[in-house]
Amino acid sequence: RTGHEGATGLTVPRGLQILGVTVMTSYSDADLREAG
């Protein structure tokens, strides 16, 4: 998401933001234990 090489060879900035998925809200402690 940081950038890519444009026609001029310069890095083109991107507006995309990266979100890390920590633990799904449908999961409990027991679900995590079952998954290892």
ModelCIF file with pLDDT and N, C-alpha, C, O atoms, coordinates in Angstrom:
data_MODEL
#
_entry.id   MODEL 
#
_entity.id                         1 
_entity.type                       polymer 
_entity.pdbx_number_of_molecules   1 
#
_entity_poly.entity_id                      1 
_entity_poly.type                           'polypeptide(L)' 
_entity_poly.nstd_linkage                   no 
_entity_poly.nstd_monomer                   no 
_entity_poly.pdbx_seq_one_letter_code       RTGHEGATGLTVPRGLQILGVTVMTSYSDADLREAG 
_entity_poly.pdbx_seq_one_letter_code_can   RTGHEGATGLTVPRGLQILGVTVMTSYSDADLREAG 
_entity_poly.pdbx_strand_id                 A 
#
loop_
_entity_poly_seq.entity_id 
_entity_poly_seq.num 
_entity_poly_seq.mon_id 
_entity_poly_seq.hetero 
1 1  ARG n 
1 2  THR n 
1 3  GLY n 
1 4  HIS n 
1 5  GLU n 
1 6  GLY n 
1 7  ALA n 
1 8  THR n 
1 9  GLY n 
1 10 LEU n 
1 11 THR n 
1 12 VAL n 
1 13 PRO n 
1 14 ARG n 
1 15 GLY n 
1 16 LEU n 
1 17 GLN n 
1 18 ILE n 
1 19 LEU n 
1 20 GLY n 
1 21 VAL n 
1 22 THR n 
1 23 VAL n 
1 24 MET n 
1 25 THR n 
1 26 SER n 
1 27 TYR n 
1 28 SER n 
1 29 ASP n 
1 30 ALA n 
1 31 ASP n 
1 32 LEU n 
1 33 ARG n 
1 34 GLU n 
1 35 ALA n 
1 36 GLY n 
#
_struct_asym.id          A 
_struct_asym.entity_id   1 
#
loop_
_ma_qa_metric.id 
_ma_qa_metric.mode 
_ma_qa_metric.name 
_ma_qa_metric.software_group_id 
_ma_qa_metric.type 
1 global pLDDT . pLDDT 
2 local  pLDDT . pLDDT 
#
_ma_qa_metric_global.metric_id      1 
_ma_qa_metric_global.metric_value   73.92 
_ma_qa_metric_global.model_id       1 
_ma_qa_metric_global.ordinal_id     1 
#
loop_
_ma_qa_metric_local.label_asym_id 
_ma_qa_metric_local.label_comp_id 
_ma_qa_metric_local.label_seq_id 
_ma_qa_metric_local.metric_id 
_ma_qa_metric_local.metric_value 
_ma_qa_metric_local.model_id 
_ma_qa_metric_local.ordinal_id 
A ARG 1  2 88.00 1 1  
A THR 2  2 79.00 1 2  
A GLY 3  2 61.00 1 3  
A HIS 4  2 49.00 1 4  
A GLU 5  2 46.00 1 5  
A GLY 6  2 41.00 1 6  
A ALA 7  2 40.00 1 7  
A THR 8  2 39.00 1 8  
A GLY 9  2 42.00 1 9  
A LEU 10 2 39.00 1 10 
A THR 11 2 44.00 1 11 
A VAL 12 2 40.00 1 12 
A PRO 13 2 44.00 1 13 
A ARG 14 2 55.00 1 14 
A GLY 15 2 84.00 1 15 
A LEU 16 2 93.00 1 16 
A GLN 17 2 95.00 1 17 
A ILE 18 2 96.00 1 18 
A LEU 19 2 97.00 1 19 
A GLY 20 2 96.00 1 20 
A VAL 21 2 93.00 1 21 
A THR 22 2 89.00 1 22 
A VAL 23 2 85.00 1 23 
A MET 24 2 82.00 1 24 
A THR 25 2 77.00 1 25 
A SER 26 2 81.00 1 26 
A TYR 27 2 84.00 1 27 
A SER 28 2 86.00 1 28 
A ASP 29 2 89.00 1 29 
A ALA 30 2 91.00 1 30 
A ASP 31 2 90.00 1 31 
A LEU 32 2 89.00 1 32 
A ARG 33 2 88.00 1 33 
A GLU 34 2 90.00 1 34 
A ALA 35 2 90.00 1 35 
A GLY 36 2 89.00 1 36 
#
loop_
_atom_site.group_PDB 
_atom_site.id 
_atom_site.type_symbol 
_atom_site.label_atom_id 
_atom_site.label_alt_id 
_atom_site.label_comp_id 
_atom_site.label_asym_id 
_atom_site.label_entity_id 
_atom_site.label_seq_id 
_atom_site.pdbx_PDB_ins_code 
_atom_site.Cartn_x 
_atom_site.Cartn_y 
_atom_site.Cartn_z 
_atom_site.occupancy 
_atom_site.B_iso_or_equiv 
_atom_site.pdbx_formal_charge 
_atom_site.auth_seq_id 
_atom_site.auth_comp_id 
_atom_site.auth_asym_id 
_atom_site.auth_atom_id 
_atom_site.pdbx_PDB_model_num 
ATOM 1   N N  . ARG A 1 1  ? 0.807   -1.219  0.000   1.00 88.00 ? 1  ARG A N  1 
ATOM 2   C CA . ARG A 1 1  ? 0.000   0.000   0.000   1.00 88.00 ? 1  ARG A CA 1 
ATOM 3   C C  . ARG A 1 1  ? 0.842   1.271   0.000   1.00 88.00 ? 1  ARG A C  1 
ATOM 4   O O  . ARG A 1 1  ? 0.315   2.364   -0.206  1.00 88.00 ? 1  ARG A O  1 
ATOM 5   N N  . THR A 1 2  ? 2.146   1.134   0.230   1.00 79.00 ? 2  THR A N  1 
ATOM 6   C CA . THR A 1 2  ? 2.971   2.329   0.377   1.00 79.00 ? 2  THR A CA 1 
ATOM 7   C C  . THR A 1 2  ? 3.126   3.073   -0.936  1.00 79.00 ? 2  THR A C  1 
ATOM 8   O O  . THR A 1 2  ? 3.112   4.304   -0.959  1.00 79.00 ? 2  THR A O  1 
ATOM 9   N N  . GLY A 1 3  ? 3.274   2.342   -2.022  1.00 61.00 ? 3  GLY A N  1 
ATOM 10  C CA . GLY A 1 3  ? 3.426   3.028   -3.299  1.00 61.00 ? 3  GLY A CA 1 
ATOM 11  C C  . GLY A 1 3  ? 3.828   2.068   -4.393  1.00 61.00 ? 3  GLY A C  1 
ATOM 12  O O  . GLY A 1 3  ? 4.078   0.891   -4.133  1.00 61.00 ? 3  GLY A O  1 
ATOM 13  N N  . HIS A 1 4  ? 3.890   2.556   -5.595  1.00 49.00 ? 4  HIS A N  1 
ATOM 14  C CA . HIS A 1 4  ? 4.354   1.746   -6.711  1.00 49.00 ? 4  HIS A CA 1 
ATOM 15  C C  . HIS A 1 4  ? 5.099   2.656   -7.671  1.00 49.00 ? 4  HIS A C  1 
ATOM 16  O O  . HIS A 1 4  ? 5.006   3.881   -7.582  1.00 49.00 ? 4  HIS A O  1 
ATOM 17  N N  . GLU A 1 5  ? 5.825   2.059   -8.572  1.00 46.00 ? 5  GLU A N  1 
ATOM 18  C CA . GLU A 1 5  ? 6.615   2.843   -9.514  1.00 46.00 ? 5  GLU A CA 1 
ATOM 19  C C  . GLU A 1 5  ? 5.716   3.354   -10.639 1.00 46.00 ? 5  GLU A C  1 
ATOM 20  O O  . GLU A 1 5  ? 5.154   2.568   -11.401 1.00 46.00 ? 5  GLU A O  1 
ATOM 21  N N  . GLY A 1 6  ? 5.588   4.656   -10.732 1.00 41.00 ? 6  GLY A N  1 
ATOM 22  C CA . GLY A 1 6  ? 4.804   5.263   -11.793 1.00 41.00 ? 6  GLY A CA 1 
ATOM 23  C C  . GLY A 1 6  ? 5.619   5.408   -13.074 1.00 41.00 ? 6  GLY A C  1 
ATOM 24  O O  . GLY A 1 6  ? 6.758   4.947   -13.149 1.00 41.00 ? 6  GLY A O  1 
ATOM 25  N N  . ALA A 1 7  ? 5.032   6.050   -14.075 1.00 40.00 ? 7  ALA A N  1 
ATOM 26  C CA . ALA A 1 7  ? 5.691   6.180   -15.377 1.00 40.00 ? 7  ALA A CA 1 
ATOM 27  C C  . ALA A 1 7  ? 6.993   6.968   -15.275 1.00 40.00 ? 7  ALA A C  1 
ATOM 28  O O  . ALA A 1 7  ? 7.905   6.770   -16.078 1.00 40.00 ? 7  ALA A O  1 
ATOM 29  N N  . THR A 1 8  ? 7.083   7.869   -14.278 1.00 39.00 ? 8  THR A N  1 
ATOM 30  C CA . THR A 1 8  ? 8.294   8.678   -14.121 1.00 39.00 ? 8  THR A CA 1 
ATOM 31  C C  . THR A 1 8  ? 9.355   7.977   -13.299 1.00 39.00 ? 8  THR A C  1 
ATOM 32  O O  . THR A 1 8  ? 10.460  8.495   -13.139 1.00 39.00 ? 8  THR A O  1 
ATOM 33  N N  . GLY A 1 9  ? 9.030   6.792   -12.771 1.00 42.00 ? 9  GLY A N  1 
ATOM 34  C CA . GLY A 1 9  ? 9.972   6.090   -11.907 1.00 42.00 ? 9  GLY A CA 1 
ATOM 35  C C  . GLY A 1 9  ? 9.883   6.508   -10.460 1.00 42.00 ? 9  GLY A C  1 
ATOM 36  O O  . GLY A 1 9  ? 10.617  5.985   -9.621  1.00 42.00 ? 9  GLY A O  1 
ATOM 37  N N  . LEU A 1 10 ? 8.987   7.453   -10.143 1.00 39.00 ? 10 LEU A N  1 
ATOM 38  C CA . LEU A 1 10 ? 8.816   7.909   -8.771  1.00 39.00 ? 10 LEU A CA 1 
ATOM 39  C C  . LEU A 1 10 ? 7.741   7.087   -8.073  1.00 39.00 ? 10 LEU A C  1 
ATOM 40  O O  . LEU A 1 10 ? 6.819   6.577   -8.709  1.00 39.00 ? 10 LEU A O  1 
ATOM 41  N N  . THR A 1 11 ? 7.876   6.968   -6.762  1.00 44.00 ? 11 THR A N  1 
ATOM 42  C CA . THR A 1 11 ? 6.878   6.235   -6.000  1.00 44.00 ? 11 THR A CA 1 
ATOM 43  C C  . THR A 1 11 ? 5.598   7.046   -5.919  1.00 44.00 ? 11 THR A C  1 
ATOM 44  O O  . THR A 1 11 ? 5.624   8.224   -5.562  1.00 44.00 ? 11 THR A O  1 
ATOM 45  N N  . VAL A 1 12 ? 4.481   6.421   -6.249  1.00 40.00 ? 12 VAL A N  1 
ATOM 46  C CA . VAL A 1 12 ? 3.171   7.076   -6.198  1.00 40.00 ? 12 VAL A CA 1 
ATOM 47  C C  . VAL A 1 12 ? 2.519   6.733   -4.868  1.00 40.00 ? 12 VAL A C  1 
ATOM 48  O O  . VAL A 1 12 ? 2.303   5.553   -4.593  1.00 40.00 ? 12 VAL A O  1 
ATOM 49  N N  . PRO A 1 13 ? 2.196   7.715   -4.032  1.00 44.00 ? 13 PRO A N  1 
ATOM 50  C CA . PRO A 1 13 ? 1.599   7.403   -2.740  1.00 44.00 ? 13 PRO A CA 1 
ATOM 51  C C  . PRO A 1 13 ? 0.207   6.812   -2.901  1.00 44.00 ? 13 PRO A C  1 
ATOM 52  O O  . PRO A 1 13 ? -0.495  7.113   -3.867  1.00 44.00 ? 13 PRO A O  1 
ATOM 53  N N  . ARG A 1 14 ? -0.191  5.968   -1.948  1.00 55.00 ? 14 ARG A N  1 
ATOM 54  C CA . ARG A 1 14 ? -1.500  5.343   -1.988  1.00 55.00 ? 14 ARG A CA 1 
ATOM 55  C C  . ARG A 1 14 ? -2.312  5.801   -0.784  1.00 55.00 ? 14 ARG A C  1 
ATOM 56  O O  . ARG A 1 14 ? -1.752  6.055   0.283   1.00 55.00 ? 14 ARG A O  1 
ATOM 57  N N  . GLY A 1 15 ? -3.621  5.909   -0.945  1.00 84.00 ? 15 GLY A N  1 
ATOM 58  C CA . GLY A 1 15 ? -4.477  6.317   0.152   1.00 84.00 ? 15 GLY A CA 1 
ATOM 59  C C  . GLY A 1 15 ? -4.977  5.158   0.988   1.00 84.00 ? 15 GLY A C  1 
ATOM 60  O O  . GLY A 1 15 ? -5.624  5.373   2.012   1.00 84.00 ? 15 GLY A O  1 
ATOM 61  N N  . LEU A 1 16 ? -4.691  3.933   0.574   1.00 93.00 ? 16 LEU A N  1 
ATOM 62  C CA . LEU A 1 16 ? -5.201  2.756   1.253   1.00 93.00 ? 16 LEU A CA 1 
ATOM 63  C C  . LEU A 1 16 ? -4.582  2.604   2.636   1.00 93.00 ? 16 LEU A C  1 
ATOM 64  O O  . LEU A 1 16 ? -3.379  2.796   2.815   1.00 93.00 ? 16 LEU A O  1 
ATOM 65  N N  . GLN A 1 17 ? -5.426  2.255   3.619   1.00 95.00 ? 17 GLN A N  1 
ATOM 66  C CA . GLN A 1 17 ? -4.949  2.003   4.974   1.00 95.00 ? 17 GLN A CA 1 
ATOM 67  C C  . GLN A 1 17 ? -5.118  0.517   5.301   1.00 95.00 ? 17 GLN A C  1 
ATOM 68  O O  . GLN A 1 17 ? -6.137  -0.093  4.976   1.00 95.00 ? 17 GLN A O  1 
ATOM 69  N N  . ILE A 1 18 ? -4.108  -0.045  5.942   1.00 96.00 ? 18 ILE A N  1 
ATOM 70  C CA . ILE A 1 18 ? -4.079  -1.469  6.266   1.00 96.00 ? 18 ILE A CA 1 
ATOM 71  C C  . ILE A 1 18 ? -4.545  -1.668  7.704   1.00 96.00 ? 18 ILE A C  1 
ATOM 72  O O  . ILE A 1 18 ? -4.013  -1.066  8.637   1.00 96.00 ? 18 ILE A O  1 
ATOM 73  N N  . LEU A 1 19 ? -5.558  -2.532  7.862   1.00 97.00 ? 19 LEU A N  1 
ATOM 74  C CA . LEU A 1 19 ? -6.080  -2.868  9.180   1.00 97.00 ? 19 LEU A CA 1 
ATOM 75  C C  . LEU A 1 19 ? -5.750  -4.323  9.489   1.00 97.00 ? 19 LEU A C  1 
ATOM 76  O O  . LEU A 1 19 ? -6.062  -5.218  8.703   1.00 97.00 ? 19 LEU A O  1 
ATOM 77  N N  . GLY A 1 20 ? -5.121  -4.554  10.629  1.00 96.00 ? 20 GLY A N  1 
ATOM 78  C CA . GLY A 1 20 ? -4.803  -5.906  11.050  1.00 96.00 ? 20 GLY A CA 1 
ATOM 79  C C  . GLY A 1 20 ? -5.961  -6.512  11.832  1.00 96.00 ? 20 GLY A C  1 
ATOM 80  O O  . GLY A 1 20 ? -6.437  -5.931  12.808  1.00 96.00 ? 20 GLY A O  1 
ATOM 81  N N  . VAL A 1 21 ? -6.411  -7.689  11.394  1.00 93.00 ? 21 VAL A N  1 
ATOM 82  C CA . VAL A 1 21 ? -7.478  -8.405  12.098  1.00 93.00 ? 21 VAL A CA 1 
ATOM 83  C C  . VAL A 1 21 ? -6.831  -9.148  13.271  1.00 93.00 ? 21 VAL A C  1 
ATOM 84  O O  . VAL A 1 21 ? -6.006  -10.037 13.062  1.00 93.00 ? 21 VAL A O  1 
ATOM 85  N N  . THR A 1 22 ? -7.198  -8.793  14.483  1.00 89.00 ? 22 THR A N  1 
ATOM 86  C CA . THR A 1 22 ? -6.582  -9.400  15.669  1.00 89.00 ? 22 THR A CA 1 
ATOM 87  C C  . THR A 1 22 ? -7.252  -10.744 15.961  1.00 89.00 ? 22 THR A C  1 
ATOM 88  O O  . THR A 1 22 ? -6.709  -11.794 15.619  1.00 89.00 ? 22 THR A O  1 
ATOM 89  N N  . VAL A 1 23 ? -8.425  -10.715 16.591  1.00 85.00 ? 23 VAL A N  1 
ATOM 90  C CA . VAL A 1 23 ? -9.200  -11.929 16.861  1.00 85.00 ? 23 VAL A CA 1 
ATOM 91  C C  . VAL A 1 23 ? -10.638 -11.643 16.456  1.00 85.00 ? 23 VAL A C  1 
ATOM 92  O O  . VAL A 1 23 ? -11.209 -10.632 16.865  1.00 85.00 ? 23 VAL A O  1 
ATOM 93  N N  . MET A 1 24 ? -11.223 -12.516 15.663  1.00 82.00 ? 24 MET A N  1 
ATOM 94  C CA . MET A 1 24 ? -12.583 -12.314 15.177  1.00 82.00 ? 24 MET A CA 1 
ATOM 95  C C  . MET A 1 24 ? -13.555 -12.149 16.355  1.00 82.00 ? 24 MET A C  1 
ATOM 96  O O  . MET A 1 24 ? -13.420 -12.808 17.385  1.00 82.00 ? 24 MET A O  1 
ATOM 97  N N  . THR A 1 25 ? -14.534 -11.254 16.178  1.00 77.00 ? 25 THR A N  1 
ATOM 98  C CA . THR A 1 25 ? -15.485 -11.011 17.265  1.00 77.00 ? 25 THR A CA 1 
ATOM 99  C C  . THR A 1 25 ? -16.446 -12.170 17.477  1.00 77.00 ? 25 THR A C  1 
ATOM 100 O O  . THR A 1 25 ? -17.209 -12.161 18.443  1.00 77.00 ? 25 THR A O  1 
ATOM 101 N N  . SER A 1 26 ? -16.429 -13.155 16.610  1.00 81.00 ? 26 SER A N  1 
ATOM 102 C CA . SER A 1 26 ? -17.231 -14.369 16.812  1.00 81.00 ? 26 SER A CA 1 
ATOM 103 C C  . SER A 1 26 ? -16.463 -15.427 17.607  1.00 81.00 ? 26 SER A C  1 
ATOM 104 O O  . SER A 1 26 ? -16.982 -16.517 17.845  1.00 81.00 ? 26 SER A O  1 
ATOM 105 N N  . TYR A 1 27 ? -15.215 -15.108 18.022  1.00 84.00 ? 27 TYR A N  1 
ATOM 106 C CA . TYR A 1 27 ? -14.369 -16.057 18.747  1.00 84.00 ? 27 TYR A CA 1 
ATOM 107 C C  . TYR A 1 27 ? -14.361 -15.735 20.241  1.00 84.00 ? 27 TYR A C  1 
ATOM 108 O O  . TYR A 1 27 ? -14.401 -14.573 20.646  1.00 84.00 ? 27 TYR A O  1 
ATOM 109 N N  . SER A 1 28 ? -14.309 -16.777 21.032  1.00 86.00 ? 28 SER A N  1 
ATOM 110 C CA . SER A 1 28 ? -14.150 -16.684 22.481  1.00 86.00 ? 28 SER A CA 1 
ATOM 111 C C  . SER A 1 28 ? -12.819 -17.308 22.876  1.00 86.00 ? 28 SER A C  1 
ATOM 112 O O  . SER A 1 28 ? -12.095 -17.823 22.023  1.00 86.00 ? 28 SER A O  1 
ATOM 113 N N  . ASP A 1 29 ? -12.492 -17.263 24.168  1.00 89.00 ? 29 ASP A N  1 
ATOM 114 C CA . ASP A 1 29 ? -11.282 -17.934 24.647  1.00 89.00 ? 29 ASP A CA 1 
ATOM 115 C C  . ASP A 1 29 ? -11.309 -19.423 24.288  1.00 89.00 ? 29 ASP A C  1 
ATOM 116 O O  . ASP A 1 29 ? -10.297 -19.988 23.872  1.00 89.00 ? 29 ASP A O  1 
ATOM 117 N N  . ALA A 1 30 ? -12.480 -20.050 24.454  1.00 91.00 ? 30 ALA A N  1 
ATOM 118 C CA . ALA A 1 30 ? -12.605 -21.482 24.152  1.00 91.00 ? 30 ALA A CA 1 
ATOM 119 C C  . ALA A 1 30 ? -12.368 -21.751 22.676  1.00 91.00 ? 30 ALA A C  1 
ATOM 120 O O  . ALA A 1 30 ? -11.755 -22.759 22.325  1.00 91.00 ? 30 ALA A O  1 
ATOM 121 N N  . ASP A 1 31 ? -12.845 -20.864 21.803  1.00 90.00 ? 31 ASP A N  1 
ATOM 122 C CA . ASP A 1 31 ? -12.626 -21.046 20.370  1.00 90.00 ? 31 ASP A CA 1 
ATOM 123 C C  . ASP A 1 31 ? -11.139 -20.983 20.032  1.00 90.00 ? 31 ASP A C  1 
ATOM 124 O O  . ASP A 1 31 ? -10.652 -21.761 19.212  1.00 90.00 ? 31 ASP A O  1 
ATOM 125 N N  . LEU A 1 32 ? -10.415 -20.051 20.667  1.00 89.00 ? 32 LEU A N  1 
ATOM 126 C CA . LEU A 1 32 ? -8.984  -19.946 20.408  1.00 89.00 ? 32 LEU A CA 1 
ATOM 127 C C  . LEU A 1 32 ? -8.240  -21.184 20.892  1.00 89.00 ? 32 LEU A C  1 
ATOM 128 O O  . LEU A 1 32 ? -7.349  -21.689 20.209  1.00 89.00 ? 32 LEU A O  1 
ATOM 129 N N  . ARG A 1 33 ? -8.608  -21.665 22.064  1.00 88.00 ? 33 ARG A N  1 
ATOM 130 C CA . ARG A 1 33 ? -7.963  -22.886 22.563  1.00 88.00 ? 33 ARG A CA 1 
ATOM 131 C C  . ARG A 1 33 ? -8.202  -24.059 21.617  1.00 88.00 ? 33 ARG A C  1 
ATOM 132 O O  . ARG A 1 33 ? -7.294  -24.849 21.355  1.00 88.00 ? 33 ARG A O  1 
ATOM 133 N N  . GLU A 1 34 ? -9.428  -24.169 21.105  1.00 90.00 ? 34 GLU A N  1 
ATOM 134 C CA . GLU A 1 34 ? -9.745  -25.252 20.179  1.00 90.00 ? 34 GLU A CA 1 
ATOM 135 C C  . GLU A 1 34 ? -8.921  -25.142 18.899  1.00 90.00 ? 34 GLU A C  1 
ATOM 136 O O  . GLU A 1 34 ? -8.588  -26.152 18.280  1.00 90.00 ? 34 GLU A O  1 
ATOM 137 N N  . ALA A 1 35 ? -8.591  -23.895 18.502  1.00 90.00 ? 35 ALA A N  1 
ATOM 138 C CA . ALA A 1 35 ? -7.800  -23.671 17.290  1.00 90.00 ? 35 ALA A CA 1 
ATOM 139 C C  . ALA A 1 35 ? -6.304  -23.814 17.535  1.00 90.00 ? 35 ALA A C  1 
ATOM 140 O O  . ALA A 1 35 ? -5.508  -23.699 16.602  1.00 90.00 ? 35 ALA A O  1 
ATOM 141 N N  . GLY A 1 36 ? -5.911  -24.066 18.796  1.00 89.00 ? 36 GLY A N  1 
ATOM 142 C CA . GLY A 1 36 ? -4.507  -24.307 19.083  1.00 89.00 ? 36 GLY A CA 1 
ATOM 143 C C  . GLY A 1 36 ? -3.745  -23.134 19.659  1.00 89.00 ? 36 GLY A C  1 
ATOM 144 O O  . GLY A 1 36 ? -2.550  -23.249 19.933  1.00 89.00 ? 36 GLY A O  1 
#
